[in-house]
Amino acid sequence: MAAKRQRYRKSTRRRKLFSGKFTRKLRMPGQRRRNRREKHEILVVLNWAWQIALVCLIAFVLVWFWGQRVSNIGDSMNPVLKNGDVVLVDRILYNASRPKRGDVIVFRPNGNENSNYSIKRIVGLPGETVQIKDGYVYINGKELEEEKRHPKSNPRGSQKKR
């Protein structure tokens, strides 16, 4: 019986010595601080990555359910939108309010589901008479003042007064 106890004591001593409880790793001075700093930097980077991924996910969901990505084809909206520009359209806006003069709308010409979207600006509202005379736009007989909205554009095309 004494021999069994002695062997048990020796084996438990060895286990305790090499289990890590009593052994110590030799570290260089300041190494422990560096490891904490590195862990903190990694946590900061992971936090930033998490926040960026979360914002991208939220943006994707918002665009998926309430928005639509449409690319402009043609130069009819020049200088505001050029050929190939991409526009993000809010689908819910017109369920809450009616379109107004100056709003940019997106639609399929003649309701054709196979055609590309058209992007246009609203000039006339229902019940109004729109005329174009000598490069000027008239609504119900009064000239439309576009210069206030877009001072850089020339609504009369290439015509110049002399």
N, C-alpha and C. Protein backbone atom coordinates (compact mmCIF):
# COMPACT_ATOMS: atom_id res chain seq x y z
N MET A 1 0.80 -1.18 0.00
CA MET A 1 0.00 0.00 0.00
C MET A 1 0.85 1.26 0.00
N ALA A 2 1.95 1.25 0.71
CA ALA A 2 2.85 2.40 0.79
C ALA A 2 3.47 2.70 -0.57
N ALA A 3 3.75 1.64 -1.34
CA ALA A 3 4.34 1.83 -2.66
C ALA A 3 3.36 2.55 -3.60
N LYS A 4 2.06 2.21 -3.49
CA LYS A 4 1.06 2.86 -4.33
C LYS A 4 0.94 4.34 -3.99
N ARG A 5 0.99 4.67 -2.69
CA ARG A 5 0.89 6.06 -2.28
C ARG A 5 2.07 6.87 -2.80
N GLN A 6 3.25 6.26 -2.74
CA GLN A 6 4.46 6.95 -3.19
C GLN A 6 4.39 7.23 -4.69
N ARG A 7 3.95 6.21 -5.47
CA ARG A 7 3.83 6.43 -6.91
C ARG A 7 2.79 7.50 -7.21
N TYR A 8 1.69 7.50 -6.47
CA TYR A 8 0.64 8.50 -6.67
C TYR A 8 1.17 9.89 -6.39
N ARG A 9 1.95 10.04 -5.30
CA ARG A 9 2.52 11.34 -4.97
C ARG A 9 3.46 11.83 -6.05
N LYS A 10 4.30 10.94 -6.58
CA LYS A 10 5.25 11.34 -7.63
C LYS A 10 4.49 11.77 -8.90
N SER A 11 3.47 11.02 -9.28
CA SER A 11 2.74 11.35 -10.51
C SER A 11 1.98 12.67 -10.35
N THR A 12 1.40 12.93 -9.18
CA THR A 12 0.70 14.20 -8.99
C THR A 12 1.66 15.36 -8.96
N ARG A 13 2.85 15.15 -8.40
CA ARG A 13 3.86 16.22 -8.42
C ARG A 13 4.24 16.57 -9.84
N ARG A 14 4.47 15.54 -10.65
CA ARG A 14 4.84 15.80 -12.05
C ARG A 14 3.72 16.56 -12.77
N ARG A 15 2.50 16.10 -12.55
CA ARG A 15 1.38 16.78 -13.19
C ARG A 15 1.32 18.24 -12.78
N LYS A 16 1.48 18.51 -11.52
CA LYS A 16 1.43 19.87 -11.03
C LYS A 16 2.57 20.70 -11.58
N LEU A 17 3.74 20.10 -11.68
CA LEU A 17 4.88 20.84 -12.19
C LEU A 17 4.72 21.23 -13.65
N PHE A 18 4.16 20.33 -14.45
CA PHE A 18 4.10 20.58 -15.88
C PHE A 18 2.71 20.97 -16.38
N SER A 19 1.77 21.21 -15.49
CA SER A 19 0.42 21.56 -15.91
C SER A 19 0.29 23.03 -16.28
N GLY A 20 1.24 23.83 -15.93
CA GLY A 20 1.17 25.23 -16.26
C GLY A 20 0.86 26.10 -15.05
N LYS A 21 0.38 25.48 -13.98
CA LYS A 21 0.09 26.26 -12.79
C LYS A 21 1.36 26.76 -12.14
N PHE A 22 2.36 25.92 -12.14
CA PHE A 22 3.60 26.27 -11.45
C PHE A 22 4.72 26.67 -12.39
N THR A 23 4.50 26.46 -13.67
CA THR A 23 5.54 26.86 -14.62
C THR A 23 5.27 28.27 -15.06
N ARG A 24 6.30 28.99 -15.36
CA ARG A 24 6.18 30.37 -15.77
C ARG A 24 6.93 30.58 -17.07
N LYS A 25 6.30 31.24 -18.00
CA LYS A 25 7.00 31.56 -19.24
C LYS A 25 7.88 32.76 -18.99
N LEU A 26 9.04 32.71 -19.58
CA LEU A 26 9.93 33.86 -19.45
C LEU A 26 9.51 34.92 -20.46
N ARG A 27 9.33 36.12 -19.99
CA ARG A 27 8.91 37.22 -20.87
C ARG A 27 9.95 38.32 -20.83
N MET A 28 10.01 38.98 -21.95
CA MET A 28 10.90 40.14 -22.02
C MET A 28 10.20 41.29 -21.28
N PRO A 29 10.95 42.25 -20.79
CA PRO A 29 10.33 43.38 -20.11
C PRO A 29 9.42 44.15 -21.08
N GLY A 30 8.18 44.45 -20.67
CA GLY A 30 7.23 45.20 -21.49
C GLY A 30 6.42 44.34 -22.45
N GLN A 31 6.72 43.04 -22.50
CA GLN A 31 6.01 42.18 -23.45
C GLN A 31 4.54 42.03 -23.06
N ARG A 32 4.27 41.96 -21.80
CA ARG A 32 2.89 41.81 -21.35
C ARG A 32 2.07 43.05 -21.74
N ARG A 33 2.65 44.20 -21.57
CA ARG A 33 1.97 45.44 -21.96
C ARG A 33 1.71 45.47 -23.47
N ARG A 34 2.69 45.03 -24.25
CA ARG A 34 2.53 45.01 -25.69
C ARG A 34 1.40 44.09 -26.10
N ASN A 35 1.30 42.95 -25.46
CA ASN A 35 0.24 42.02 -25.80
C ASN A 35 -1.13 42.63 -25.51
N ARG A 36 -1.25 43.32 -24.38
CA ARG A 36 -2.52 43.98 -24.06
C ARG A 36 -2.83 45.06 -25.09
N ARG A 37 -1.82 45.82 -25.49
CA ARG A 37 -2.01 46.88 -26.48
C ARG A 37 -2.42 46.27 -27.81
N GLU A 38 -1.76 45.18 -28.21
CA GLU A 38 -2.10 44.54 -29.47
C GLU A 38 -3.52 43.98 -29.43
N LYS A 39 -3.92 43.40 -28.31
CA LYS A 39 -5.29 42.89 -28.18
C LYS A 39 -6.29 44.04 -28.28
N HIS A 40 -5.97 45.16 -27.66
CA HIS A 40 -6.85 46.33 -27.71
C HIS A 40 -6.97 46.84 -29.15
N GLU A 41 -5.85 46.90 -29.87
CA GLU A 41 -5.88 47.36 -31.27
C GLU A 41 -6.70 46.41 -32.14
N ILE A 42 -6.57 45.12 -31.90
CA ILE A 42 -7.34 44.14 -32.67
C ILE A 42 -8.83 44.30 -32.38
N LEU A 43 -9.17 44.52 -31.11
CA LEU A 43 -10.57 44.73 -30.76
C LEU A 43 -11.13 46.00 -31.40
N VAL A 44 -10.32 47.05 -31.47
CA VAL A 44 -10.77 48.29 -32.10
C VAL A 44 -11.02 48.06 -33.58
N VAL A 45 -10.12 47.36 -34.25
CA VAL A 45 -10.28 47.07 -35.69
C VAL A 45 -11.52 46.19 -35.91
N LEU A 46 -11.71 45.17 -35.07
CA LEU A 46 -12.88 44.32 -35.21
C LEU A 46 -14.18 45.12 -34.97
N ASN A 47 -14.14 46.04 -34.03
CA ASN A 47 -15.30 46.89 -33.77
C ASN A 47 -15.62 47.75 -34.99
N TRP A 48 -14.60 48.36 -35.59
CA TRP A 48 -14.80 49.16 -36.81
C TRP A 48 -15.36 48.28 -37.93
N ALA A 49 -14.80 47.09 -38.11
CA ALA A 49 -15.27 46.20 -39.18
C ALA A 49 -16.73 45.82 -38.94
N TRP A 50 -17.09 45.54 -37.70
CA TRP A 50 -18.47 45.21 -37.37
C TRP A 50 -19.41 46.37 -37.69
N GLN A 51 -19.01 47.59 -37.31
CA GLN A 51 -19.85 48.75 -37.55
C GLN A 51 -20.02 49.00 -39.05
N ILE A 52 -18.94 48.88 -39.82
CA ILE A 52 -19.03 49.09 -41.27
C ILE A 52 -19.93 48.04 -41.91
N ALA A 53 -19.78 46.78 -41.49
CA ALA A 53 -20.63 45.72 -42.03
C ALA A 53 -22.09 45.96 -41.69
N LEU A 54 -22.35 46.42 -40.48
CA LEU A 54 -23.73 46.69 -40.06
C LEU A 54 -24.34 47.83 -40.87
N VAL A 55 -23.58 48.90 -41.10
CA VAL A 55 -24.08 50.03 -41.89
C VAL A 55 -24.34 49.59 -43.33
N CYS A 56 -23.45 48.79 -43.90
CA CYS A 56 -23.65 48.29 -45.27
C CYS A 56 -24.90 47.42 -45.35
N LEU A 57 -25.11 46.59 -44.35
CA LEU A 57 -26.30 45.73 -44.33
C LEU A 57 -27.58 46.57 -44.23
N ILE A 58 -27.58 47.56 -43.36
CA ILE A 58 -28.75 48.43 -43.22
C ILE A 58 -29.02 49.18 -44.53
N ALA A 59 -27.97 49.71 -45.16
CA ALA A 59 -28.14 50.42 -46.44
C ALA A 59 -28.69 49.48 -47.51
N PHE A 60 -28.18 48.27 -47.55
CA PHE A 60 -28.66 47.30 -48.54
C PHE A 60 -30.15 47.00 -48.33
N VAL A 61 -30.55 46.80 -47.07
CA VAL A 61 -31.95 46.49 -46.78
C VAL A 61 -32.84 47.68 -47.13
N LEU A 62 -32.41 48.89 -46.79
CA LEU A 62 -33.21 50.08 -47.11
C LEU A 62 -33.40 50.24 -48.61
N VAL A 63 -32.33 50.07 -49.37
CA VAL A 63 -32.42 50.20 -50.83
C VAL A 63 -33.25 49.06 -51.41
N TRP A 64 -33.11 47.87 -50.86
CA TRP A 64 -33.83 46.71 -51.37
C TRP A 64 -35.34 46.89 -51.24
N PHE A 65 -35.79 47.40 -50.06
CA PHE A 65 -37.22 47.51 -49.82
C PHE A 65 -37.82 48.84 -50.26
N TRP A 66 -37.08 49.94 -50.12
CA TRP A 66 -37.68 51.25 -50.36
C TRP A 66 -37.02 52.05 -51.47
N GLY A 67 -36.01 51.55 -52.09
CA GLY A 67 -35.32 52.31 -53.12
C GLY A 67 -35.14 51.50 -54.38
N GLN A 68 -34.61 52.15 -55.37
CA GLN A 68 -34.33 51.49 -56.64
C GLN A 68 -33.17 52.20 -57.31
N ARG A 69 -32.27 51.43 -57.88
CA ARG A 69 -31.10 51.98 -58.56
C ARG A 69 -31.42 52.02 -60.06
N VAL A 70 -31.32 53.22 -60.65
CA VAL A 70 -31.64 53.40 -62.07
C VAL A 70 -30.49 54.16 -62.71
N SER A 71 -30.06 53.70 -63.89
CA SER A 71 -29.01 54.44 -64.59
C SER A 71 -29.65 55.26 -65.71
N ASN A 72 -29.10 56.45 -65.90
CA ASN A 72 -29.62 57.38 -66.90
C ASN A 72 -29.11 57.00 -68.27
N ILE A 73 -30.02 56.96 -69.23
CA ILE A 73 -29.65 56.67 -70.62
C ILE A 73 -30.01 57.90 -71.45
N GLY A 74 -29.01 58.49 -72.06
CA GLY A 74 -29.24 59.67 -72.89
C GLY A 74 -28.84 60.95 -72.17
N ASP A 75 -28.87 62.05 -72.92
CA ASP A 75 -28.44 63.34 -72.39
C ASP A 75 -29.60 64.32 -72.22
N SER A 76 -30.82 63.84 -72.12
CA SER A 76 -31.95 64.76 -72.02
C SER A 76 -31.98 65.50 -70.68
N MET A 77 -31.33 65.00 -69.65
CA MET A 77 -31.29 65.66 -68.34
C MET A 77 -29.98 66.43 -68.14
N ASN A 78 -29.21 66.62 -69.19
CA ASN A 78 -27.93 67.33 -69.10
C ASN A 78 -28.19 68.78 -68.72
N PRO A 79 -27.49 69.45 -67.89
CA PRO A 79 -26.22 69.15 -67.23
C PRO A 79 -26.37 68.49 -65.85
N VAL A 80 -27.61 68.29 -65.37
CA VAL A 80 -27.80 67.71 -64.05
C VAL A 80 -27.40 66.25 -64.04
N LEU A 81 -27.90 65.46 -64.99
CA LEU A 81 -27.56 64.04 -65.11
C LEU A 81 -27.00 63.79 -66.50
N LYS A 82 -25.87 63.14 -66.54
CA LYS A 82 -25.24 62.82 -67.82
C LYS A 82 -25.51 61.36 -68.17
N ASN A 83 -25.22 60.98 -69.39
CA ASN A 83 -25.43 59.61 -69.83
C ASN A 83 -24.61 58.65 -68.97
N GLY A 84 -25.27 57.64 -68.40
CA GLY A 84 -24.60 56.65 -67.59
C GLY A 84 -24.59 56.95 -66.09
N ASP A 85 -25.05 58.13 -65.68
CA ASP A 85 -25.12 58.44 -64.25
C ASP A 85 -26.13 57.51 -63.57
N VAL A 86 -25.85 57.16 -62.33
CA VAL A 86 -26.73 56.27 -61.58
C VAL A 86 -27.50 57.10 -60.55
N VAL A 87 -28.80 56.83 -60.46
CA VAL A 87 -29.69 57.55 -59.57
C VAL A 87 -30.33 56.55 -58.61
N LEU A 88 -30.41 56.91 -57.33
CA LEU A 88 -31.11 56.09 -56.35
C LEU A 88 -32.48 56.70 -56.14
N VAL A 89 -33.53 55.94 -56.44
CA VAL A 89 -34.89 56.45 -56.44
C VAL A 89 -35.61 55.97 -55.18
N ASP A 90 -36.36 56.90 -54.55
CA ASP A 90 -37.17 56.59 -53.38
C ASP A 90 -38.56 56.18 -53.85
N ARG A 91 -38.94 54.92 -53.64
CA ARG A 91 -40.23 54.43 -54.10
C ARG A 91 -41.39 54.89 -53.22
N ILE A 92 -41.15 55.13 -51.95
CA ILE A 92 -42.22 55.44 -51.00
C ILE A 92 -42.66 56.90 -51.11
N LEU A 93 -41.82 57.78 -51.60
CA LEU A 93 -42.10 59.22 -51.59
C LEU A 93 -43.44 59.55 -52.25
N TYR A 94 -43.71 58.99 -53.41
CA TYR A 94 -44.94 59.36 -54.13
C TYR A 94 -46.17 58.63 -53.60
N ASN A 95 -45.99 57.66 -52.72
CA ASN A 95 -47.15 57.10 -52.02
C ASN A 95 -47.62 58.07 -50.94
N ALA A 96 -46.70 58.89 -50.43
CA ALA A 96 -47.03 59.82 -49.35
C ALA A 96 -47.44 61.19 -49.89
N SER A 97 -46.90 61.61 -51.04
CA SER A 97 -47.22 62.94 -51.58
C SER A 97 -47.31 62.86 -53.11
N ARG A 98 -47.86 63.90 -53.69
CA ARG A 98 -48.00 63.96 -55.15
C ARG A 98 -46.76 64.65 -55.75
N PRO A 99 -46.41 64.32 -56.98
CA PRO A 99 -45.28 64.98 -57.63
C PRO A 99 -45.55 66.48 -57.82
N LYS A 100 -44.49 67.25 -57.70
CA LYS A 100 -44.58 68.71 -57.84
C LYS A 100 -43.72 69.15 -59.02
N ARG A 101 -43.91 70.39 -59.44
CA ARG A 101 -43.11 70.95 -60.52
C ARG A 101 -41.64 70.98 -60.08
N GLY A 102 -40.76 70.50 -60.94
CA GLY A 102 -39.34 70.50 -60.65
C GLY A 102 -38.84 69.17 -60.10
N ASP A 103 -39.75 68.27 -59.68
CA ASP A 103 -39.33 66.95 -59.19
C ASP A 103 -38.79 66.12 -60.35
N VAL A 104 -37.84 65.26 -60.04
CA VAL A 104 -37.30 64.32 -61.02
C VAL A 104 -38.03 63.00 -60.80
N ILE A 105 -38.58 62.45 -61.88
CA ILE A 105 -39.34 61.21 -61.77
C ILE A 105 -38.69 60.13 -62.65
N VAL A 106 -38.98 58.89 -62.32
CA VAL A 106 -38.48 57.74 -63.07
C VAL A 106 -39.70 56.92 -63.49
N PHE A 107 -39.76 56.55 -64.76
CA PHE A 107 -40.91 55.80 -65.26
C PHE A 107 -40.48 54.96 -66.45
N ARG A 108 -41.35 54.02 -66.82
CA ARG A 108 -41.14 53.24 -68.04
C ARG A 108 -42.03 53.86 -69.12
N PRO A 109 -41.47 54.20 -70.29
CA PRO A 109 -42.27 54.84 -71.34
C PRO A 109 -43.44 53.95 -71.77
N ASN A 110 -44.63 54.55 -71.83
CA ASN A 110 -45.86 53.87 -72.26
C ASN A 110 -46.18 52.64 -71.41
N GLY A 111 -45.63 52.55 -70.20
CA GLY A 111 -45.91 51.42 -69.32
C GLY A 111 -45.29 50.11 -69.78
N ASN A 112 -44.38 50.15 -70.77
CA ASN A 112 -43.76 48.96 -71.32
C ASN A 112 -42.76 48.39 -70.31
N GLU A 113 -43.03 47.21 -69.77
CA GLU A 113 -42.17 46.61 -68.74
C GLU A 113 -40.82 46.15 -69.29
N ASN A 114 -40.70 45.98 -70.60
CA ASN A 114 -39.45 45.50 -71.19
C ASN A 114 -38.48 46.63 -71.55
N SER A 115 -38.92 47.87 -71.50
CA SER A 115 -38.05 48.98 -71.88
C SER A 115 -37.26 49.49 -70.68
N ASN A 116 -36.26 50.31 -70.97
CA ASN A 116 -35.45 50.93 -69.91
C ASN A 116 -36.24 52.05 -69.25
N TYR A 117 -35.81 52.37 -68.03
CA TYR A 117 -36.45 53.48 -67.32
C TYR A 117 -36.06 54.81 -67.96
N SER A 118 -36.98 55.76 -67.93
CA SER A 118 -36.70 57.13 -68.36
C SER A 118 -36.67 58.01 -67.12
N ILE A 119 -35.76 58.97 -67.11
CA ILE A 119 -35.64 59.92 -66.00
C ILE A 119 -35.92 61.30 -66.57
N LYS A 120 -36.95 61.96 -66.03
CA LYS A 120 -37.34 63.28 -66.53
C LYS A 120 -37.70 64.18 -65.36
N ARG A 121 -37.71 65.50 -65.63
CA ARG A 121 -38.12 66.50 -64.65
C ARG A 121 -39.53 66.97 -64.99
N ILE A 122 -40.37 67.13 -63.98
CA ILE A 122 -41.75 67.56 -64.19
C ILE A 122 -41.76 69.06 -64.48
N VAL A 123 -42.37 69.44 -65.61
CA VAL A 123 -42.49 70.84 -65.98
C VAL A 123 -43.93 71.30 -65.78
N GLY A 124 -44.88 70.53 -66.28
CA GLY A 124 -46.27 70.91 -66.17
C GLY A 124 -47.05 69.95 -65.31
N LEU A 125 -48.04 70.48 -64.60
CA LEU A 125 -48.90 69.68 -63.74
C LEU A 125 -50.24 69.47 -64.44
N PRO A 126 -51.06 68.53 -63.98
CA PRO A 126 -52.35 68.28 -64.63
C PRO A 126 -53.21 69.54 -64.70
N GLY A 127 -53.79 69.78 -65.87
CA GLY A 127 -54.65 70.94 -66.07
C GLY A 127 -53.91 72.16 -66.58
N GLU A 128 -52.58 72.12 -66.67
CA GLU A 128 -51.81 73.27 -67.15
C GLU A 128 -51.50 73.11 -68.64
N THR A 129 -51.31 74.24 -69.30
CA THR A 129 -50.93 74.24 -70.70
C THR A 129 -49.45 74.60 -70.80
N VAL A 130 -48.67 73.73 -71.43
CA VAL A 130 -47.23 73.95 -71.56
C VAL A 130 -46.93 74.23 -73.03
N GLN A 131 -46.20 75.33 -73.28
CA GLN A 131 -45.81 75.71 -74.64
C GLN A 131 -44.33 76.04 -74.64
N ILE A 132 -43.68 75.78 -75.78
CA ILE A 132 -42.30 76.18 -75.97
C ILE A 132 -42.27 77.07 -77.20
N LYS A 133 -41.88 78.34 -76.99
CA LYS A 133 -41.81 79.31 -78.09
C LYS A 133 -40.44 79.95 -78.07
N ASP A 134 -39.74 79.86 -79.17
CA ASP A 134 -38.42 80.49 -79.33
C ASP A 134 -37.46 80.10 -78.21
N GLY A 135 -37.53 78.86 -77.74
CA GLY A 135 -36.61 78.39 -76.71
C GLY A 135 -37.04 78.71 -75.29
N TYR A 136 -38.17 79.39 -75.13
CA TYR A 136 -38.69 79.72 -73.80
C TYR A 136 -39.84 78.78 -73.47
N VAL A 137 -39.96 78.39 -72.21
CA VAL A 137 -41.04 77.51 -71.76
C VAL A 137 -42.11 78.38 -71.11
N TYR A 138 -43.36 78.22 -71.57
CA TYR A 138 -44.49 78.97 -71.03
C TYR A 138 -45.48 77.99 -70.39
N ILE A 139 -45.93 78.30 -69.18
CA ILE A 139 -46.96 77.51 -68.51
C ILE A 139 -48.15 78.43 -68.29
N ASN A 140 -49.29 78.07 -68.89
CA ASN A 140 -50.52 78.89 -68.84
C ASN A 140 -50.24 80.32 -69.28
N GLY A 141 -49.40 80.49 -70.29
CA GLY A 141 -49.12 81.81 -70.84
C GLY A 141 -48.03 82.58 -70.12
N LYS A 142 -47.49 82.09 -69.01
CA LYS A 142 -46.43 82.80 -68.28
C LYS A 142 -45.11 82.05 -68.46
N GLU A 143 -44.04 82.83 -68.61
CA GLU A 143 -42.72 82.22 -68.82
C GLU A 143 -42.25 81.53 -67.54
N LEU A 144 -41.72 80.31 -67.71
CA LEU A 144 -41.16 79.54 -66.58
C LEU A 144 -39.79 80.09 -66.25
N GLU A 145 -39.55 80.41 -65.01
CA GLU A 145 -38.26 80.97 -64.60
C GLU A 145 -37.36 79.84 -64.10
N GLU A 146 -36.63 79.22 -65.01
CA GLU A 146 -35.72 78.13 -64.66
C GLU A 146 -34.37 78.65 -64.19
N GLU A 147 -34.04 79.87 -64.52
CA GLU A 147 -32.71 80.40 -64.21
C GLU A 147 -32.46 80.42 -62.70
N LYS A 148 -33.50 80.58 -61.90
CA LYS A 148 -33.32 80.63 -60.45
C LYS A 148 -32.86 79.28 -59.91
N ARG A 149 -33.33 78.19 -60.51
CA ARG A 149 -32.96 76.86 -60.03
C ARG A 149 -31.61 76.40 -60.54
N HIS A 150 -31.35 76.65 -61.80
CA HIS A 150 -30.13 76.16 -62.44
C HIS A 150 -29.42 77.31 -63.15
N PRO A 151 -28.71 78.15 -62.43
CA PRO A 151 -28.08 79.30 -63.07
C PRO A 151 -27.00 78.94 -64.08
N LYS A 152 -26.38 77.76 -63.95
CA LYS A 152 -25.31 77.39 -64.88
C LYS A 152 -25.84 76.91 -66.22
N SER A 153 -27.08 76.36 -66.22
CA SER A 153 -27.61 75.82 -67.46
C SER A 153 -28.26 76.92 -68.29
N ASN A 154 -28.31 76.69 -69.58
CA ASN A 154 -28.94 77.62 -70.49
C ASN A 154 -30.22 76.96 -70.99
N PRO A 155 -31.41 77.32 -70.44
CA PRO A 155 -32.64 76.64 -70.82
C PRO A 155 -33.04 76.91 -72.26
N ARG A 156 -32.47 77.93 -72.90
CA ARG A 156 -32.84 78.25 -74.27
C ARG A 156 -31.96 77.55 -75.30
N GLY A 157 -31.17 76.60 -74.84
CA GLY A 157 -30.30 75.89 -75.77
C GLY A 157 -29.10 76.73 -76.16
N SER A 158 -28.73 76.67 -77.42
CA SER A 158 -27.54 77.41 -77.88
C SER A 158 -27.89 78.79 -78.41
N GLN A 159 -29.14 79.21 -78.30
CA GLN A 159 -29.52 80.52 -78.82
C GLN A 159 -28.99 81.62 -77.90
N LYS A 160 -28.53 82.69 -78.49
CA LYS A 160 -28.03 83.83 -77.72
C LYS A 160 -28.78 85.07 -78.19
N LYS A 161 -29.09 85.94 -77.23
CA LYS A 161 -29.72 87.21 -77.59
C LYS A 161 -28.68 88.17 -78.11
N ARG A 162 -29.07 88.94 -79.12
CA ARG A 162 -28.13 89.91 -79.69
C ARG A 162 -28.67 91.28 -79.59
